[in-house]
Amino acid sequence: MEDFYQILDALDGPGEKVIATIVGVEGSAYKREGSSMLFFSNGKQLGMLSAGCLEEDLAIKVKEVLRKQEAMIIQYELYMEDDLNWGQGLGCNGTIDILIEPVTEQVMEDYRLVSELLSQNKPVIVLKKLDELGEYVFIEEDGVPFGNWSGPLPTIEFSSRSGSLTRDGTAFFQQTIYPKPRLIVFGAGPDARPLASLAAETGFLVTVCDWREALCQKKYFPTADEHIIGFPLDLLKQISFSPYDFVVIMTHQFKRDRELLLKVIHKNIRYLGVLGPKERTRKLLHGQEIPNGIASPIGVSIGARGPVEIAVSIVAQMIEIWRKPVHERVELLWTIPD
């Protein structure tokens, strides 16, 4: 889902590294502001910033950054259509600014702290100066800002939109990094397997829950991060829900589905979907109307048939919900004063 999570996992590996981040886009581009990529000194690459056409040139620039241990910004013009310009064959029509930064010991230490905060379901804002390259700061709601930043912090807003800003005479790039979304699947039947697999491949952490130990096993859900065994009320005691959780109820047993739905409906989560027709979901709710916050029937309406297509429709709906701009989901959470 986000290159950033993969980069966090790879930062502690051996060898020198460089992070490349899109900090500005005018017009159209393959990927938007905030997209990142990791380059290793041995030539290995992790992630993509284009459809594969800029990475070769970026790798050359990376060697210079590694040699000098100094950050730089590269701009690619994608408007032109001749062989001497980047527009040839890209299918894009814009300008991309890419910030390339060496991964120093301090950067690695700061990213470890970011990873720890995200694991605690705490979003983090990162600011990177564009006129004094190499200076950055991470800000989380309740903690002390940390990083390498000189001068006062500008006033910022908690926003999902990444981009370049100028405040109080300082040009900087701002990005809000959210905890990795988690999909909790209640029900480990055969039709849950493609859902768990596709969700994991898309970028979700996946937890599979069921009281039937014979079904809820790693051999059936190899990409799941957690397998929890227990009946509904026991399962709910073992799970700490967060606003970044997506929940799908699909045990196919009416009594178990009802127990789960009547409890989970009161949790502060991002998404709740119930497999089955609307009439069944109404019965699960003792005949009450289905609240707007419940996806029933579940998934995007694409005429899906069979477990795999249904999994595609569910994951598509979850991505749509996850990608909604933050101002459509929450109020302004905090600001950082001068």
C-alpha atoms as a PDB file:
ATOM      1  CA  MET A   1       0.000   0.000   0.000  1.00  0.00           C
ATOM      2  CA  GLU A   2       2.748   2.440   0.962  1.00  0.00           C
ATOM      3  CA  ASP A   3       6.417   2.166   0.064  1.00  0.00           C
ATOM      4  CA  PHE A   4       7.195   3.798   3.393  1.00  0.00           C
ATOM      5  CA  TYR A   5       6.354   0.690   5.433  1.00  0.00           C
ATOM      6  CA  GLN A   6       8.691  -1.458   3.332  1.00  0.00           C
ATOM      7  CA  ILE A   7      11.440   1.125   3.687  1.00  0.00           C
ATOM      8  CA  LEU A   8      11.069   1.135   7.484  1.00  0.00           C
ATOM      9  CA  ASP A   9      11.573  -2.626   7.539  1.00  0.00           C
ATOM     10  CA  ALA A  10      14.680  -2.421   5.340  1.00  0.00           C
ATOM     11  CA  LEU A  11      16.486   0.524   6.942  1.00  0.00           C
ATOM     12  CA  ASP A  12      18.264  -1.567   9.572  1.00  0.00           C
ATOM     13  CA  GLY A  13      19.854  -3.773   6.948  1.00  0.00           C
ATOM     14  CA  PRO A  14      23.609  -3.636   6.192  1.00  0.00           C
ATOM     15  CA  GLY A  15      25.261  -1.173   3.805  1.00  0.00           C
ATOM     16  CA  GLU A  16      24.849   2.496   2.952  1.00  0.00           C
ATOM     17  CA  LYS A  17      21.437   3.653   1.765  1.00  0.00           C
ATOM     18  CA  VAL A  18      19.686   6.634   0.221  1.00  0.00           C
ATOM     19  CA  ILE A  19      16.000   7.582   0.437  1.00  0.00           C
ATOM     20  CA  ALA A  20      14.370   9.248  -2.586  1.00  0.00           C
ATOM     21  CA  THR A  21      11.019  10.981  -1.996  1.00  0.00           C
ATOM     22  CA  ILE A  22       8.682  12.762  -4.385  1.00  0.00           C
ATOM     23  CA  VAL A  23       8.227  16.200  -2.817  1.00  0.00           C
ATOM     24  CA  GLY A  24       6.473  18.002  -5.671  1.00  0.00           C
ATOM     25  CA  VAL A  25       4.299  17.167  -8.675  1.00  0.00           C
ATOM     26  CA  GLU A  26       2.851  19.524 -11.267  1.00  0.00           C
ATOM     27  CA  GLY A  27       0.495  17.981 -13.774  1.00  0.00           C
ATOM     28  CA  SER A  28       0.143  14.202 -13.973  1.00  0.00           C
ATOM     29  CA  ALA A  29       2.582  11.576 -12.740  1.00  0.00           C
ATOM     30  CA  TYR A  30       2.694   7.839 -12.070  1.00  0.00           C
ATOM     31  CA  LYS A  31       2.987   8.393  -8.301  1.00  0.00           C
ATOM     32  CA  ARG A  32       2.230  11.381  -6.092  1.00  0.00           C
ATOM     33  CA  GLU A  33       3.937  13.420  -3.356  1.00  0.00           C
ATOM     34  CA  GLY A  34       5.144  11.363  -0.433  1.00  0.00           C
ATOM     35  CA  SER A  35       5.981   8.258  -2.465  1.00  0.00           C
ATOM     36  CA  SER A  36       9.405   6.975  -1.443  1.00  0.00           C
ATOM     37  CA  MET A  37      12.089   4.623  -2.682  1.00  0.00           C
ATOM     38  CA  LEU A  38      15.199   3.168  -1.071  1.00  0.00           C
ATOM     39  CA  PHE A  39      18.511   2.761  -2.905  1.00  0.00           C
ATOM     40  CA  PHE A  40      21.337   0.582  -1.557  1.00  0.00           C
ATOM     41  CA  SER A  41      25.045   1.110  -2.190  1.00  0.00           C
ATOM     42  CA  ASN A  42      25.236  -2.360  -3.792  1.00  0.00           C
ATOM     43  CA  GLY A  43      22.753  -1.304  -6.488  1.00  0.00           C
ATOM     44  CA  LYS A  44      19.659  -2.911  -4.982  1.00  0.00           C
ATOM     45  CA  GLN A  45      16.442  -0.880  -5.057  1.00  0.00           C
ATOM     46  CA  LEU A  46      13.235  -1.055  -3.023  1.00  0.00           C
ATOM     47  CA  GLY A  47      10.018   0.579  -4.250  1.00  0.00           C
ATOM     48  CA  MET A  48       9.230   2.637  -7.342  1.00  0.00           C
ATOM     49  CA  LEU A  49       8.747   6.339  -8.077  1.00  0.00           C
ATOM     50  CA  SER A  50       7.724   5.966 -11.712  1.00  0.00           C
ATOM     51  CA  ALA A  51       6.686   3.260 -14.118  1.00  0.00           C
ATOM     52  CA  GLY A  52      10.343   2.251 -14.247  1.00  0.00           C
ATOM     53  CA  CYS A  53      11.657   5.055 -16.418  1.00  0.00           C
ATOM     54  CA  LEU A  54      13.285   7.409 -13.898  1.00  0.00           C
ATOM     55  CA  GLU A  55      14.920   4.859 -11.628  1.00  0.00           C
ATOM     56  CA  GLU A  56      17.950   4.272 -13.852  1.00  0.00           C
ATOM     57  CA  ASP A  57      18.841   7.973 -13.854  1.00  0.00           C
ATOM     58  CA  LEU A  58      18.072   8.242 -10.144  1.00  0.00           C
ATOM     59  CA  ALA A  59      20.543   5.432  -9.461  1.00  0.00           C
ATOM     60  CA  ILE A  60      23.273   7.574 -11.049  1.00  0.00           C
ATOM     61  CA  LYS A  61      22.358  10.563  -8.860  1.00  0.00           C
ATOM     62  CA  VAL A  62      22.327   8.278  -5.822  1.00  0.00           C
ATOM     63  CA  LYS A  63      26.008   7.484  -6.329  1.00  0.00           C
ATOM     64  CA  GLU A  64      26.794  11.194  -6.052  1.00  0.00           C
ATOM     65  CA  VAL A  65      24.711  11.533  -2.878  1.00  0.00           C
ATOM     66  CA  LEU A  66      26.490   8.524  -1.372  1.00  0.00           C
ATOM     67  CA  ARG A  67      29.897   9.927  -2.287  1.00  0.00           C
ATOM     68  CA  LYS A  68      29.247  13.438  -0.938  1.00  0.00           C
ATOM     69  CA  GLN A  69      26.830  12.414   1.851  1.00  0.00           C
ATOM     70  CA  GLU A  70      24.763  15.464   0.926  1.00  0.00           C
ATOM     71  CA  ALA A  71      21.085  15.645  -0.018  1.00  0.00           C
ATOM     72  CA  MET A  72      19.953  16.986  -3.401  1.00  0.00           C
ATOM     73  CA  ILE A  73      16.711  17.712  -5.286  1.00  0.00           C
ATOM     74  CA  ILE A  74      16.289  16.514  -8.872  1.00  0.00           C
ATOM     75  CA  GLN A  75      13.542  17.762 -11.168  1.00  0.00           C
ATOM     76  CA  TYR A  76      12.247  15.700 -14.074  1.00  0.00           C
ATOM     77  CA  GLU A  77      10.273  17.360 -16.867  1.00  0.00           C
ATOM     78  CA  LEU A  78       7.748  14.917 -18.310  1.00  0.00           C
ATOM     79  CA  TYR A  79       6.055  17.240 -20.779  1.00  0.00           C
ATOM     80  CA  MET A  80       8.312  16.766 -23.791  1.00  0.00           C
ATOM     81  CA  GLU A  81       7.875  13.906 -26.240  1.00  0.00           C
ATOM     82  CA  ASP A  82      11.264  13.670 -27.933  1.00  0.00           C
ATOM     83  CA  ASP A  83      14.016  11.172 -27.158  1.00  0.00           C
ATOM     84  CA  LEU A  84      16.079  13.742 -25.251  1.00  0.00           C
ATOM     85  CA  ASN A  85      13.427  14.328 -22.592  1.00  0.00           C
ATOM     86  CA  TRP A  86      11.711  12.289 -19.912  1.00  0.00           C
ATOM     87  CA  GLY A  87       8.242  12.607 -21.456  1.00  0.00           C
ATOM     88  CA  GLN A  88       9.046   9.964 -24.087  1.00  0.00           C
ATOM     89  CA  GLY A  89       6.981   6.869 -23.403  1.00  0.00           C
ATOM     90  CA  LEU A  90       6.109   7.730 -19.808  1.00  0.00           C
ATOM     91  CA  GLY A  91       2.434   8.374 -20.332  1.00  0.00           C
ATOM     92  CA  CYS A  92       2.796  11.350 -17.981  1.00  0.00           C
ATOM     93  CA  ASN A  93       2.433  15.063 -18.533  1.00  0.00           C
ATOM     94  CA  GLY A  94       3.980  16.881 -15.596  1.00  0.00           C
ATOM     95  CA  THR A  95       7.000  17.829 -13.533  1.00  0.00           C
ATOM     96  CA  ILE A  96       8.345  15.756 -10.630  1.00  0.00           C
ATOM     97  CA  ASP A  97      10.669  17.013  -7.876  1.00  0.00           C
ATOM     98  CA  ILE A  98      12.525  14.245  -6.047  1.00  0.00           C
ATOM     99  CA  LEU A  99      14.472  14.755  -2.817  1.00  0.00           C
ATOM    100  CA  ILE A 100      17.404  12.356  -2.442  1.00  0.00           C
ATOM    101  CA  GLU A 101      18.816  12.003   1.094  1.00  0.00           C
ATOM    102  CA  PRO A 102      21.623   9.886   2.549  1.00  0.00           C
ATOM    103  CA  VAL A 103      20.579   7.622   5.412  1.00  0.00           C
ATOM    104  CA  THR A 104      22.843   8.667   8.286  1.00  0.00           C
ATOM    105  CA  GLU A 105      23.025   7.051  11.711  1.00  0.00           C
ATOM    106  CA  GLN A 106      20.786   9.801  13.104  1.00  0.00           C
ATOM    107  CA  VAL A 107      18.257   9.288  10.312  1.00  0.00           C
ATOM    108  CA  MET A 108      18.158   5.556  11.052  1.00  0.00           C
ATOM    109  CA  GLU A 109      17.679   6.205  14.768  1.00  0.00           C
ATOM    110  CA  ASP A 110      14.864   8.679  14.098  1.00  0.00           C
ATOM    111  CA  TYR A 111      13.114   6.268  11.742  1.00  0.00           C
ATOM    112  CA  ARG A 112      13.316   3.555  14.405  1.00  0.00           C
ATOM    113  CA  LEU A 113      11.427   5.883  16.732  1.00  0.00           C
ATOM    114  CA  VAL A 114       8.892   6.602  13.990  1.00  0.00           C
ATOM    115  CA  SER A 115       8.380   2.849  13.560  1.00  0.00           C
ATOM    116  CA  GLU A 116       7.811   2.485  17.294  1.00  0.00           C
ATOM    117  CA  LEU A 117       5.240   5.292  17.331  1.00  0.00           C
ATOM    118  CA  LEU A 118       3.374   3.816  14.366  1.00  0.00           C
ATOM    119  CA  SER A 119       3.264   0.428  16.125  1.00  0.00           C
ATOM    120  CA  GLN A 120       1.485   2.250  18.974  1.00  0.00           C
ATOM    121  CA  ASN A 121      -1.103   3.561  16.470  1.00  0.00           C
ATOM    122  CA  LYS A 122       0.263   7.106  16.653  1.00  0.00           C
ATOM    123  CA  PRO A 123       0.445   9.033  13.360  1.00  0.00           C
ATOM    124  CA  VAL A 124       3.541  11.121  12.740  1.00  0.00           C
ATOM    125  CA  ILE A 125       4.084  14.261  10.653  1.00  0.00           C
ATOM    126  CA  VAL A 126       7.435  14.721   8.923  1.00  0.00           C
ATOM    127  CA  LEU A 127       8.713  18.079   7.695  1.00  0.00           C
ATOM    128  CA  LYS A 128      11.764  18.330   5.414  1.00  0.00           C
ATOM    129  CA  LYS A 129      13.347  21.663   4.555  1.00  0.00           C
ATOM    130  CA  LEU A 130      13.672  22.325   0.838  1.00  0.00           C
ATOM    131  CA  ASP A 131      15.970  25.348   1.098  1.00  0.00           C
ATOM    132  CA  GLU A 132      18.303  23.819   3.698  1.00  0.00           C
ATOM    133  CA  LEU A 133      18.551  20.219   2.523  1.00  0.00           C
ATOM    134  CA  GLY A 134      19.251  17.646   5.177  1.00  0.00           C
ATOM    135  CA  GLU A 135      17.149  19.292   7.875  1.00  0.00           C
ATOM    136  CA  TYR A 136      13.989  17.456   8.936  1.00  0.00           C
ATOM    137  CA  VAL A 137      11.743  16.962  11.950  1.00  0.00           C
ATOM    138  CA  PHE A 138       9.218  14.324  13.039  1.00  0.00           C
ATOM    139  CA  ILE A 139       6.215  15.436  15.080  1.00  0.00           C
ATOM    140  CA  GLU A 140       3.726  13.251  16.930  1.00  0.00           C
ATOM    141  CA  GLU A 141       0.660  14.399  18.783  1.00  0.00           C
ATOM    142  CA  ASP A 142       1.706  13.951  22.392  1.00  0.00           C
ATOM    143  CA  GLY A 143       5.477  13.824  22.161  1.00  0.00           C
ATOM    144  CA  VAL A 144       8.467  16.089  21.710  1.00  0.00           C
ATOM    145  CA  PRO A 145       9.500  16.778  18.071  1.00  0.00           C
ATOM    146  CA  PHE A 146      12.700  14.990  17.103  1.00  0.00           C
ATOM    147  CA  GLY A 147      15.113  15.096  14.182  1.00  0.00           C
ATOM    148  CA  ASN A 148      17.586  17.573  12.741  1.00  0.00           C
ATOM    149  CA  TRP A 149      15.896  20.992  12.499  1.00  0.00           C
ATOM    150  CA  SER A 150      17.225  24.481  13.192  1.00  0.00           C
ATOM    151  CA  GLY A 151      15.011  27.462  13.918  1.00  0.00           C
ATOM    152  CA  PRO A 152      11.333  27.611  14.943  1.00  0.00           C
ATOM    153  CA  LEU A 153       8.808  25.074  13.718  1.00  0.00           C
ATOM    154  CA  PRO A 154       6.172  26.439  11.326  1.00  0.00           C
ATOM    155  CA  THR A 155       2.460  26.184  12.069  1.00  0.00           C
ATOM    156  CA  ILE A 156       1.106  23.031  10.436  1.00  0.00           C
ATOM    157  CA  GLU A 157      -2.147  21.134  10.178  1.00  0.00           C
ATOM    158  CA  PHE A 158      -2.774  17.440  10.553  1.00  0.00           C
ATOM    159  CA  SER A 159      -3.585  16.466   6.987  1.00  0.00           C
ATOM    160  CA  SER A 160      -3.316  13.390   4.806  1.00  0.00           C
ATOM    161  CA  ARG A 161      -2.228  15.515   1.855  1.00  0.00           C
ATOM    162  CA  SER A 162       1.501  15.519   1.197  1.00  0.00           C
ATOM    163  CA  GLY A 163       3.172  18.427  -0.529  1.00  0.00           C
ATOM    164  CA  SER A 164       5.534  21.381  -0.504  1.00  0.00           C
ATOM    165  CA  LEU A 165       4.624  24.470   1.521  1.00  0.00           C
ATOM    166  CA  THR A 166       6.143  27.802   2.483  1.00  0.00           C
ATOM    167  CA  ARG A 167       5.403  29.139   5.952  1.00  0.00           C
ATOM    168  CA  ASP A 168       7.119  31.962   7.824  1.00  0.00           C
ATOM    169  CA  GLY A 169       9.721  32.180   5.088  1.00  0.00           C
ATOM    170  CA  THR A 170      10.635  28.477   5.284  1.00  0.00           C
ATOM    171  CA  ALA A 171      10.051  26.153   2.315  1.00  0.00           C
ATOM    172  CA  PHE A 172       9.435  22.579   3.406  1.00  0.00           C
ATOM    173  CA  PHE A 173       7.823  19.310   2.417  1.00  0.00           C
ATOM    174  CA  GLN A 174       5.095  17.973   4.725  1.00  0.00           C
ATOM    175  CA  GLN A 175       3.779  14.435   4.961  1.00  0.00           C
ATOM    176  CA  THR A 176       1.556  12.685   7.485  1.00  0.00           C
ATOM    177  CA  ILE A 177       2.565   9.073   8.097  1.00  0.00           C
ATOM    178  CA  TYR A 178      -0.248   6.894   9.387  1.00  0.00           C
ATOM    179  CA  PRO A 179      -0.001   3.540  11.163  1.00  0.00           C
ATOM    180  CA  LYS A 180      -0.273   0.627   8.776  1.00  0.00           C
ATOM    181  CA  PRO A 181      -3.949  -0.390   8.448  1.00  0.00           C
ATOM    182  CA  ARG A 182      -4.940  -3.762   9.863  1.00  0.00           C
ATOM    183  CA  LEU A 183      -7.576  -6.150   8.539  1.00  0.00           C
ATOM    184  CA  ILE A 184      -9.185  -8.343  11.188  1.00  0.00           C
ATOM    185  CA  VAL A 185     -11.061 -11.260   9.635  1.00  0.00           C
ATOM    186  CA  PHE A 186     -13.523 -13.088  11.865  1.00  0.00           C
ATOM    187  CA  GLY A 187     -13.973 -16.447  10.181  1.00  0.00           C
ATOM    188  CA  ALA A 188     -11.301 -18.742   8.753  1.00  0.00           C
ATOM    189  CA  GLY A 189     -13.324 -20.599   6.160  1.00  0.00           C
ATOM    190  CA  PRO A 190     -11.926 -21.317   2.684  1.00  0.00           C
ATOM    191  CA  ASP A 191     -13.446 -18.105   1.290  1.00  0.00           C
ATOM    192  CA  ALA A 192     -11.426 -16.035   3.799  1.00  0.00           C
ATOM    193  CA  ARG A 193      -8.111 -17.260   2.369  1.00  0.00           C
ATOM    194  CA  PRO A 194      -8.035 -15.154  -0.818  1.00  0.00           C
ATOM    195  CA  LEU A 195      -9.227 -12.114   1.167  1.00  0.00           C
ATOM    196  CA  ALA A 196      -6.390 -12.442   3.683  1.00  0.00           C
ATOM    197  CA  SER A 197      -3.847 -13.046   0.932  1.00  0.00           C
ATOM    198  CA  LEU A 198      -4.912 -10.122  -1.252  1.00  0.00           C
ATOM    199  CA  ALA A 199      -5.178  -7.752   1.711  1.00  0.00           C
ATOM    200  CA  ALA A 200      -1.662  -8.645   2.839  1.00  0.00           C
ATOM    201  CA  GLU A 201      -0.298  -8.188  -0.677  1.00  0.00           C
ATOM    202  CA  THR A 202      -2.018  -4.804  -0.875  1.00  0.00           C
ATOM    203  CA  GLY A 203      -0.330  -3.601   2.300  1.00  0.00           C
ATOM    204  CA  PHE A 204      -2.640  -4.448   5.203  1.00  0.00           C
ATOM    205  CA  LEU A 205      -1.541  -6.198   8.349  1.00  0.00           C
ATOM    206  CA  VAL A 206      -3.829  -9.216   8.614  1.00  0.00           C
ATOM    207  CA  THR A 207      -5.249 -10.953  11.699  1.00  0.00           C
ATOM    208  CA  VAL A 208      -7.385 -14.064  11.216  1.00  0.00           C
ATOM    209  CA  CYS A 209      -9.697 -15.150  14.057  1.00  0.00           C
ATOM    210  CA  ASP A 210     -11.800 -18.288  14.516  1.00  0.00           C
ATOM    211  CA  TRP A 211     -12.820 -20.756  17.202  1.00  0.00           C
ATOM    212  CA  ARG A 212     -12.098 -23.662  14.830  1.00  0.00           C
ATOM    213  CA  GLU A 213      -8.398 -24.422  15.259  1.00  0.00           C
ATOM    214  CA  ALA A 214      -8.397 -26.799  12.312  1.00  0.00           C
ATOM    215  CA  LEU A 215      -9.226 -23.859   9.992  1.00  0.00           C
ATOM    216  CA  CYS A 216      -7.300 -20.998  11.588  1.00  0.00           C
ATOM    217  CA  GLN A 217      -3.796 -22.184  10.756  1.00  0.00           C
ATOM    218  CA  LYS A 218      -0.726 -20.646   9.156  1.00  0.00           C
ATOM    219  CA  LYS A 219      -0.727 -23.225   6.367  1.00  0.00           C
ATOM    220  CA  TYR A 220      -4.077 -21.818   5.186  1.00  0.00           C
ATOM    221  CA  PHE A 221      -3.197 -18.167   5.914  1.00  0.00           C
ATOM    222  CA  PRO A 222       0.577 -17.936   5.350  1.00  0.00           C
ATOM    223  CA  THR A 223       0.588 -14.150   4.823  1.00  0.00           C
ATOM    224  CA  ALA A 224      -1.417 -13.348   7.971  1.00  0.00           C
ATOM    225  CA  ASP A 225       0.498 -11.641  10.768  1.00  0.00           C
ATOM    226  CA  GLU A 226      -1.653 -13.163  13.511  1.00  0.00           C
ATOM    227  CA  HIS A 227      -3.833 -16.235  13.978  1.00  0.00           C
ATOM    228  CA  ILE A 228      -6.088 -16.045  17.049  1.00  0.00           C
ATOM    229  CA  ILE A 229      -8.130 -19.020  18.258  1.00  0.00           C
ATOM    230  CA  GLY A 230     -11.225 -18.573  20.389  1.00  0.00           C
ATOM    231  CA  PHE A 231     -14.973 -18.097  20.484  1.00  0.00           C
ATOM    232  CA  PRO A 232     -16.269 -14.555  19.757  1.00  0.00           C
ATOM    233  CA  LEU A 233     -16.297 -13.166  23.296  1.00  0.00           C
ATOM    234  CA  ASP A 234     -12.849 -14.616  24.001  1.00  0.00           C
ATOM    235  CA  LEU A 235     -11.504 -13.245  20.733  1.00  0.00           C
ATOM    236  CA  LEU A 236     -12.760  -9.745  21.475  1.00  0.00           C
ATOM    237  CA  LYS A 237     -10.953  -9.763  24.832  1.00  0.00           C
ATOM    238  CA  GLN A 238      -7.673 -10.524  23.044  1.00  0.00           C
ATOM    239  CA  ILE A 239      -7.932  -7.728  20.462  1.00  0.00           C
ATOM    240  CA  SER A 240      -7.228  -4.061  21.072  1.00  0.00           C
ATOM    241  CA  PHE A 241      -9.050  -2.140  18.331  1.00  0.00           C
ATOM    242  CA  SER A 242      -7.856   1.132  16.816  1.00  0.00           C
ATOM    243  CA  PRO A 243      -9.156   3.736  14.324  1.00  0.00           C
ATOM    244  CA  TYR A 244      -6.860   2.131  11.711  1.00  0.00           C
ATOM    245  CA  ASP A 245      -8.589  -1.269  11.871  1.00  0.00           C
ATOM    246  CA  PHE A 246     -10.744  -2.807   9.150  1.00  0.00           C
ATOM    247  CA  VAL A 247     -13.032  -5.633  10.297  1.00  0.00           C
ATOM    248  CA  VAL A 248     -14.775  -8.267   8.193  1.00  0.00           C
ATOM    249  CA  ILE A 249     -17.238 -10.702   9.770  1.00  0.00           C
ATOM    250  CA  MET A 250     -17.603 -13.917   7.758  1.00  0.00           C
ATOM    251  CA  THR A 251     -17.908 -16.937  10.064  1.00  0.00           C
ATOM    252  CA  HIS A 252     -21.025 -18.147   8.190  1.00  0.00           C
ATOM    253  CA  GLN A 253     -22.615 -19.053  11.525  1.00  0.00           C
ATOM    254  CA  PHE A 254     -25.505 -16.786  12.430  1.00  0.00           C
ATOM    255  CA  LYS A 255     -25.070 -16.947  16.221  1.00  0.00           C
ATOM    256  CA  ARG A 256     -21.323 -16.225  16.052  1.00  0.00           C
ATOM    257  CA  ASP A 257     -21.771 -13.420  13.523  1.00  0.00           C
ATOM    258  CA  ARG A 258     -24.402 -11.801  15.749  1.00  0.00           C
ATOM    259  CA  GLU A 259     -22.186 -11.990  18.844  1.00  0.00           C
ATOM    260  CA  LEU A 260     -19.346 -10.367  16.941  1.00  0.00           C
ATOM    261  CA  LEU A 261     -21.385  -7.689  15.188  1.00  0.00           C
ATOM    262  CA  LEU A 262     -23.217  -6.499  18.311  1.00  0.00           C
ATOM    263  CA  LYS A 263     -19.851  -5.976  20.043  1.00  0.00           C
ATOM    264  CA  VAL A 264     -17.700  -4.684  17.196  1.00  0.00           C
ATOM    265  CA  ILE A 265     -20.317  -2.145  16.074  1.00  0.00           C
ATOM    266  CA  HIS A 266     -19.438  -0.044  19.128  1.00  0.00           C
ATOM    267  CA  LYS A 267     -15.676  -0.078  18.514  1.00  0.00           C
ATOM    268  CA  ASN A 268     -13.788   2.921  17.132  1.00  0.00           C
ATOM    269  CA  ILE A 269     -12.614   1.334  13.884  1.00  0.00           C
ATOM    270  CA  ARG A 270     -12.207   2.488  10.298  1.00  0.00           C
ATOM    271  CA  TYR A 271     -14.358  -0.095   8.512  1.00  0.00           C
ATOM    272  CA  LEU A 272     -16.842  -2.829   9.357  1.00  0.00           C
ATOM    273  CA  GLY A 273     -18.127  -5.215   6.714  1.00  0.00           C
ATOM    274  CA  VAL A 274     -20.496  -8.158   7.076  1.00  0.00           C
ATOM    275  CA  LEU A 275     -20.623 -10.917   4.488  1.00  0.00           C
ATOM    276  CA  GLY A 276     -24.110 -11.803   3.278  1.00  0.00           C
ATOM    277  CA  PRO A 277     -27.252 -10.013   2.059  1.00  0.00           C
ATOM    278  CA  LYS A 278     -28.739  -6.992   3.792  1.00  0.00           C
ATOM    279  CA  GLU A 279     -31.697  -8.941   5.131  1.00  0.00           C
ATOM    280  CA  ARG A 280     -29.371 -11.296   7.011  1.00  0.00           C
ATOM    281  CA  THR A 281     -27.469  -8.352   8.493  1.00  0.00           C
ATOM    282  CA  ARG A 282     -30.776  -6.806   9.637  1.00  0.00           C
ATOM    283  CA  LYS A 283     -31.600 -10.066  11.403  1.00  0.00           C
ATOM    284  CA  LEU A 284     -28.182 -10.031  13.045  1.00  0.00           C
ATOM    285  CA  LEU A 285     -29.161  -6.587  14.387  1.00  0.00           C
ATOM    286  CA  HIS A 286     -32.492  -7.914  15.713  1.00  0.00           C
ATOM    287  CA  GLY A 287     -34.430  -6.319  12.882  1.00  0.00           C
ATOM    288  CA  GLN A 288     -32.934  -2.838  13.199  1.00  0.00           C
ATOM    289  CA  GLU A 289     -31.882  -0.816  10.183  1.00  0.00           C
ATOM    290  CA  ILE A 290     -28.276  -1.207   9.162  1.00  0.00           C
ATOM    291  CA  PRO A 291     -26.212   1.831  10.267  1.00  0.00           C
ATOM    292  CA  ASN A 292     -24.329   3.761   7.583  1.00  0.00           C
ATOM    293  CA  GLY A 293     -21.025   2.644   9.095  1.00  0.00           C
ATOM    294  CA  ILE A 294     -21.588  -1.012   8.180  1.00  0.00           C
ATOM    295  CA  ALA A 295     -20.799  -2.295   4.685  1.00  0.00           C
ATOM    296  CA  SER A 296     -23.633  -4.695   3.885  1.00  0.00           C
ATOM    297  CA  PRO A 297     -23.628  -6.191   1.382  1.00  0.00           C
ATOM    298  CA  ILE A 298     -19.858  -6.051   1.633  1.00  0.00           C
ATOM    299  CA  GLY A 299     -17.502  -4.952  -1.151  1.00  0.00           C
ATOM    300  CA  VAL A 300     -17.685  -2.781  -4.250  1.00  0.00           C
ATOM    301  CA  SER A 301     -20.584  -3.680  -6.530  1.00  0.00           C
ATOM    302  CA  ILE A 302     -18.766  -5.310  -9.475  1.00  0.00           C
ATOM    303  CA  GLY A 303     -20.939  -8.389  -9.865  1.00  0.00           C
ATOM    304  CA  ALA A 304     -18.344 -10.504  -8.060  1.00  0.00           C
ATOM    305  CA  ARG A 305     -18.761 -14.266  -8.040  1.00  0.00           C
ATOM    306  CA  GLY A 306     -16.754 -16.739  -6.054  1.00  0.00           C
ATOM    307  CA  PRO A 307     -14.261 -16.217  -3.203  1.00  0.00           C
ATOM    308  CA  VAL A 308     -11.500 -14.589  -5.259  1.00  0.00           C
ATOM    309  CA  GLU A 309     -13.692 -12.007  -6.989  1.00  0.00           C
ATOM    310  CA  ILE A 310     -15.479 -11.254  -3.721  1.00  0.00           C
ATOM    311  CA  ALA A 311     -12.070 -10.736  -2.082  1.00  0.00           C
ATOM    312  CA  VAL A 312     -11.173  -8.288  -4.859  1.00  0.00           C
ATOM    313  CA  SER A 313     -14.394  -6.336  -4.287  1.00  0.00           C
ATOM    314  CA  ILE A 314     -13.830  -6.180  -0.504  1.00  0.00           C
ATOM    315  CA  VAL A 315     -10.211  -5.054  -0.756  1.00  0.00           C
ATOM    316  CA  ALA A 316     -11.185  -2.457  -3.371  1.00  0.00           C
ATOM    317  CA  GLN A 317     -13.770  -1.052  -0.954  1.00  0.00           C
ATOM    318  CA  MET A 318     -11.256  -0.985   1.899  1.00  0.00           C
ATOM    319  CA  ILE A 319      -8.711   0.860  -0.242  1.00  0.00           C
ATOM    320  CA  GLU A 320     -11.371   3.389  -1.230  1.00  0.00           C
ATOM    321  CA  ILE A 321     -12.195   3.999   2.440  1.00  0.00           C
ATOM    322  CA  TRP A 322      -8.530   4.206   3.443  1.00  0.00           C
ATOM    323  CA  ARG A 323      -7.689   6.673   0.679  1.00  0.00           C
ATOM    324  CA  LYS A 324     -10.385   9.185   1.568  1.00  0.00           C
ATOM    325  CA  PRO A 325      -8.782  12.523   2.482  1.00  0.00           C
ATOM    326  CA  VAL A 326      -8.349  12.922   6.199  1.00  0.00           C
ATOM    327  CA  HIS A 327     -10.576  16.032   6.291  1.00  0.00           C
ATOM    328  CA  GLU A 328     -13.475  13.778   5.278  1.00  0.00           C
ATOM    329  CA  ARG A 329     -12.769  11.542   8.279  1.00  0.00           C
ATOM    330  CA  VAL A 330     -11.586  13.576  11.266  1.00  0.00           C
ATOM    331  CA  GLU A 331     -11.379  17.078  12.617  1.00  0.00           C
ATOM    332  CA  LEU A 332      -8.115  18.972  12.872  1.00  0.00           C
ATOM    333  CA  LEU A 333      -6.205  17.015  15.512  1.00  0.00           C
ATOM    334  CA  TRP A 334      -3.389  19.356  16.398  1.00  0.00           C
ATOM    335  CA  THR A 335      -1.211  22.246  15.311  1.00  0.00           C
ATOM    336  CA  ILE A 336       2.397  23.096  16.047  1.00  0.00           C
ATOM    337  CA  PRO A 337       2.777  26.774  17.032  1.00  0.00           C
ATOM    338  CA  ASP A 338       5.707  28.978  16.086  1.00  0.00           C
END
